[in-house]
Amino acid sequence: MSGKAKERPVADRVIAWLRDEGILELEEDFPETGDLFAAGMDSMAVMQLVVAAEDRFGAILGPADLAKERLATPAALAALLEEKQP
Protein backbone atom coordinates (compact mmCIF):
# COMPACT_ATOMS: atom_id res chain seq x y z
CA MET A 1 0.00 0.00 0.00
CA SER A 2 1.37 3.43 -0.93
CA GLY A 3 1.75 6.35 1.45
CA LYS A 4 -0.70 8.61 -0.40
CA ALA A 5 -4.13 9.32 1.05
CA LYS A 6 -6.78 6.88 -0.05
CA GLU A 7 -9.92 8.02 -1.80
CA ARG A 8 -13.21 8.13 0.11
CA PRO A 9 -15.59 5.58 -1.41
CA VAL A 10 -18.98 6.99 -2.33
CA ALA A 11 -21.52 5.15 -4.45
CA ASP A 12 -20.97 7.05 -7.72
CA ARG A 13 -17.19 6.62 -7.42
CA VAL A 14 -17.68 2.93 -6.62
CA ILE A 15 -19.64 2.50 -9.85
CA ALA A 16 -16.85 4.15 -11.87
CA TRP A 17 -14.22 2.16 -9.98
CA LEU A 18 -15.92 -1.19 -10.66
CA ARG A 19 -16.10 -0.28 -14.32
CA ASP A 20 -12.54 1.12 -14.55
CA GLU A 21 -11.03 -1.92 -12.80
CA GLY A 22 -12.86 -4.23 -15.19
CA ILE A 23 -14.66 -5.91 -12.30
CA LEU A 24 -18.10 -5.25 -13.83
CA GLU A 25 -19.29 -3.70 -17.07
CA LEU A 26 -21.71 -1.11 -15.74
CA GLU A 27 -23.50 1.59 -17.71
CA GLU A 28 -22.66 5.23 -16.94
CA ASP A 29 -26.14 5.69 -15.46
CA PHE A 30 -26.10 2.53 -13.28
CA PRO A 31 -28.09 3.46 -10.15
CA GLU A 32 -26.53 3.63 -6.68
CA THR A 33 -29.16 1.14 -5.54
CA GLY A 34 -28.81 -1.11 -8.60
CA ASP A 35 -28.30 -4.85 -8.09
CA LEU A 36 -24.62 -5.64 -8.70
CA PHE A 37 -25.29 -9.38 -8.73
CA ALA A 38 -27.93 -8.99 -11.45
CA ALA A 39 -25.34 -6.90 -13.32
CA GLY A 40 -22.88 -9.80 -13.31
CA MET A 41 -21.13 -9.82 -9.92
CA ASP A 42 -19.94 -13.38 -9.34
CA SER A 43 -17.34 -15.07 -7.14
CA MET A 44 -14.47 -14.13 -9.46
CA ALA A 45 -15.59 -10.48 -9.48
CA VAL A 46 -15.76 -10.53 -5.67
CA MET A 47 -12.17 -11.81 -5.47
CA GLN A 48 -11.02 -9.04 -7.84
CA LEU A 49 -12.92 -6.55 -5.72
CA VAL A 50 -11.15 -7.67 -2.53
CA VAL A 51 -7.71 -7.08 -4.04
CA ALA A 52 -8.65 -3.82 -5.77
CA ALA A 53 -10.39 -2.42 -2.66
CA GLU A 54 -7.18 -2.57 -0.66
CA ASP A 55 -5.21 -0.93 -3.44
CA ARG A 56 -7.67 1.88 -4.20
CA PHE A 57 -9.26 2.57 -0.82
CA GLY A 58 -6.95 0.91 1.72
CA ALA A 59 -9.92 -1.23 2.78
CA ILE A 60 -9.05 -4.73 3.91
CA LEU A 61 -12.01 -7.05 3.45
CA GLY A 62 -12.21 -10.38 5.22
CA PRO A 63 -14.56 -13.33 4.73
CA ALA A 64 -17.15 -11.90 7.15
CA ASP A 65 -17.36 -8.74 5.00
CA LEU A 66 -18.31 -10.63 1.86
CA ALA A 67 -21.95 -11.28 2.71
CA LYS A 68 -24.14 -10.73 -0.34
CA GLU A 69 -26.12 -7.90 1.26
CA ARG A 70 -22.90 -5.94 1.93
CA LEU A 71 -21.92 -6.16 -1.75
CA ALA A 72 -25.38 -6.03 -3.35
CA THR A 73 -25.49 -2.39 -4.46
CA PRO A 74 -22.95 0.39 -5.08
CA ALA A 75 -24.36 2.22 -2.02
CA ALA A 76 -23.93 -0.85 0.23
CA LEU A 77 -20.45 -1.49 -1.14
CA ALA A 78 -19.43 2.15 -0.62
CA ALA A 79 -20.60 1.96 3.02
CA LEU A 80 -18.60 -1.25 3.54
CA LEU A 81 -15.46 0.19 1.97
CA GLU A 82 -15.70 3.36 4.05
CA GLU A 83 -16.20 1.30 7.21
CA LYS A 84 -13.09 -0.77 6.41
CA GLN A 85 -10.78 2.11 5.55
CA PRO A 86 -7.94 2.61 8.01
C-alpha atoms as a PDB file:
ATOM      1  CA  MET A   1       0.000   0.000   0.000  1.00  0.00           C
ATOM      2  CA  SER A   2       1.369   3.429  -0.929  1.00  0.00           C
ATOM      3  CA  GLY A   3       1.749   6.347   1.447  1.00  0.00           C
ATOM      4  CA  LYS A   4      -0.698   8.612  -0.399  1.00  0.00           C
ATOM      5  CA  ALA A   5      -4.126   9.323   1.053  1.00  0.00           C
ATOM      6  CA  LYS A   6      -6.780   6.876  -0.047  1.00  0.00           C
ATOM      7  CA  GLU A   7      -9.920   8.019  -1.801  1.00  0.00           C
ATOM      8  CA  ARG A   8     -13.211   8.129   0.108  1.00  0.00           C
ATOM      9  CA  PRO A   9     -15.590   5.581  -1.415  1.00  0.00           C
ATOM     10  CA  VAL A  10     -18.980   6.992  -2.332  1.00  0.00           C
ATOM     11  CA  ALA A  11     -21.516   5.152  -4.454  1.00  0.00           C
ATOM     12  CA  ASP A  12     -20.966   7.049  -7.716  1.00  0.00           C
ATOM     13  CA  ARG A  13     -17.193   6.617  -7.420  1.00  0.00           C
ATOM     14  CA  VAL A  14     -17.678   2.934  -6.622  1.00  0.00           C
ATOM     15  CA  ILE A  15     -19.643   2.504  -9.855  1.00  0.00           C
ATOM     16  CA  ALA A  16     -16.853   4.152 -11.874  1.00  0.00           C
ATOM     17  CA  TRP A  17     -14.219   2.161  -9.977  1.00  0.00           C
ATOM     18  CA  LEU A  18     -15.918  -1.194 -10.656  1.00  0.00           C
ATOM     19  CA  ARG A  19     -16.099  -0.281 -14.319  1.00  0.00           C
ATOM     20  CA  ASP A  20     -12.543   1.118 -14.553  1.00  0.00           C
ATOM     21  CA  GLU A  21     -11.030  -1.922 -12.800  1.00  0.00           C
ATOM     22  CA  GLY A  22     -12.863  -4.228 -15.192  1.00  0.00           C
ATOM     23  CA  ILE A  23     -14.663  -5.907 -12.302  1.00  0.00           C
ATOM     24  CA  LEU A  24     -18.103  -5.247 -13.831  1.00  0.00           C
ATOM     25  CA  GLU A  25     -19.294  -3.703 -17.074  1.00  0.00           C
ATOM     26  CA  LEU A  26     -21.707  -1.105 -15.738  1.00  0.00           C
ATOM     27  CA  GLU A  27     -23.501   1.594 -17.708  1.00  0.00           C
ATOM     28  CA  GLU A  28     -22.657   5.229 -16.940  1.00  0.00           C
ATOM     29  CA  ASP A  29     -26.137   5.687 -15.458  1.00  0.00           C
ATOM     30  CA  PHE A  30     -26.096   2.530 -13.282  1.00  0.00           C
ATOM     31  CA  PRO A  31     -28.087   3.462 -10.150  1.00  0.00           C
ATOM     32  CA  GLU A  32     -26.526   3.629  -6.679  1.00  0.00           C
ATOM     33  CA  THR A  33     -29.163   1.137  -5.541  1.00  0.00           C
ATOM     34  CA  GLY A  34     -28.809  -1.112  -8.597  1.00  0.00           C
ATOM     35  CA  ASP A  35     -28.297  -4.854  -8.086  1.00  0.00           C
ATOM     36  CA  LEU A  36     -24.624  -5.637  -8.701  1.00  0.00           C
ATOM     37  CA  PHE A  37     -25.292  -9.380  -8.731  1.00  0.00           C
ATOM     38  CA  ALA A  38     -27.927  -8.991 -11.452  1.00  0.00           C
ATOM     39  CA  ALA A  39     -25.338  -6.902 -13.323  1.00  0.00           C
ATOM     40  CA  GLY A  40     -22.876  -9.801 -13.308  1.00  0.00           C
ATOM     41  CA  MET A  41     -21.127  -9.817  -9.918  1.00  0.00           C
ATOM     42  CA  ASP A  42     -19.943 -13.383  -9.343  1.00  0.00           C
ATOM     43  CA  SER A  43     -17.337 -15.069  -7.137  1.00  0.00           C
ATOM     44  CA  MET A  44     -14.469 -14.125  -9.463  1.00  0.00           C
ATOM     45  CA  ALA A  45     -15.588 -10.481  -9.476  1.00  0.00           C
ATOM     46  CA  VAL A  46     -15.760 -10.529  -5.669  1.00  0.00           C
ATOM     47  CA  MET A  47     -12.170 -11.810  -5.470  1.00  0.00           C
ATOM     48  CA  GLN A  48     -11.017  -9.040  -7.845  1.00  0.00           C
ATOM     49  CA  LEU A  49     -12.918  -6.551  -5.720  1.00  0.00           C
ATOM     50  CA  VAL A  50     -11.155  -7.673  -2.525  1.00  0.00           C
ATOM     51  CA  VAL A  51      -7.711  -7.077  -4.044  1.00  0.00           C
ATOM     52  CA  ALA A  52      -8.654  -3.824  -5.767  1.00  0.00           C
ATOM     53  CA  ALA A  53     -10.389  -2.417  -2.656  1.00  0.00           C
ATOM     54  CA  GLU A  54      -7.184  -2.566  -0.656  1.00  0.00           C
ATOM     55  CA  ASP A  55      -5.206  -0.928  -3.438  1.00  0.00           C
ATOM     56  CA  ARG A  56      -7.667   1.881  -4.202  1.00  0.00           C
ATOM     57  CA  PHE A  57      -9.265   2.573  -0.820  1.00  0.00           C
ATOM     58  CA  GLY A  58      -6.951   0.913   1.721  1.00  0.00           C
ATOM     59  CA  ALA A  59      -9.918  -1.225   2.782  1.00  0.00           C
ATOM     60  CA  ILE A  60      -9.046  -4.733   3.906  1.00  0.00           C
ATOM     61  CA  LEU A  61     -12.006  -7.054   3.446  1.00  0.00           C
ATOM     62  CA  GLY A  62     -12.212 -10.384   5.224  1.00  0.00           C
ATOM     63  CA  PRO A  63     -14.560 -13.331   4.731  1.00  0.00           C
ATOM     64  CA  ALA A  64     -17.153 -11.900   7.146  1.00  0.00           C
ATOM     65  CA  ASP A  65     -17.356  -8.736   5.004  1.00  0.00           C
ATOM     66  CA  LEU A  66     -18.309 -10.627   1.857  1.00  0.00           C
ATOM     67  CA  ALA A  67     -21.953 -11.279   2.705  1.00  0.00           C
ATOM     68  CA  LYS A  68     -24.135 -10.726  -0.338  1.00  0.00           C
ATOM     69  CA  GLU A  69     -26.121  -7.900   1.262  1.00  0.00           C
ATOM     70  CA  ARG A  70     -22.901  -5.939   1.930  1.00  0.00           C
ATOM     71  CA  LEU A  71     -21.921  -6.160  -1.753  1.00  0.00           C
ATOM     72  CA  ALA A  72     -25.384  -6.035  -3.346  1.00  0.00           C
ATOM     73  CA  THR A  73     -25.492  -2.385  -4.461  1.00  0.00           C
ATOM     74  CA  PRO A  74     -22.952   0.389  -5.079  1.00  0.00           C
ATOM     75  CA  ALA A  75     -24.362   2.217  -2.020  1.00  0.00           C
ATOM     76  CA  ALA A  76     -23.931  -0.845   0.230  1.00  0.00           C
ATOM     77  CA  LEU A  77     -20.455  -1.492  -1.138  1.00  0.00           C
ATOM     78  CA  ALA A  78     -19.433   2.147  -0.617  1.00  0.00           C
ATOM     79  CA  ALA A  79     -20.597   1.961   3.022  1.00  0.00           C
ATOM     80  CA  LEU A  80     -18.605  -1.248   3.543  1.00  0.00           C
ATOM     81  CA  LEU A  81     -15.462   0.188   1.973  1.00  0.00           C
ATOM     82  CA  GLU A  82     -15.705   3.360   4.051  1.00  0.00           C
ATOM     83  CA  GLU A  83     -16.205   1.297   7.212  1.00  0.00           C
ATOM     84  CA  LYS A  84     -13.094  -0.768   6.408  1.00  0.00           C
ATOM     85  CA  GLN A  85     -10.784   2.113   5.552  1.00  0.00           C
ATOM     86  CA  PRO A  86      -7.936   2.613   8.007  1.00  0.00           C
END
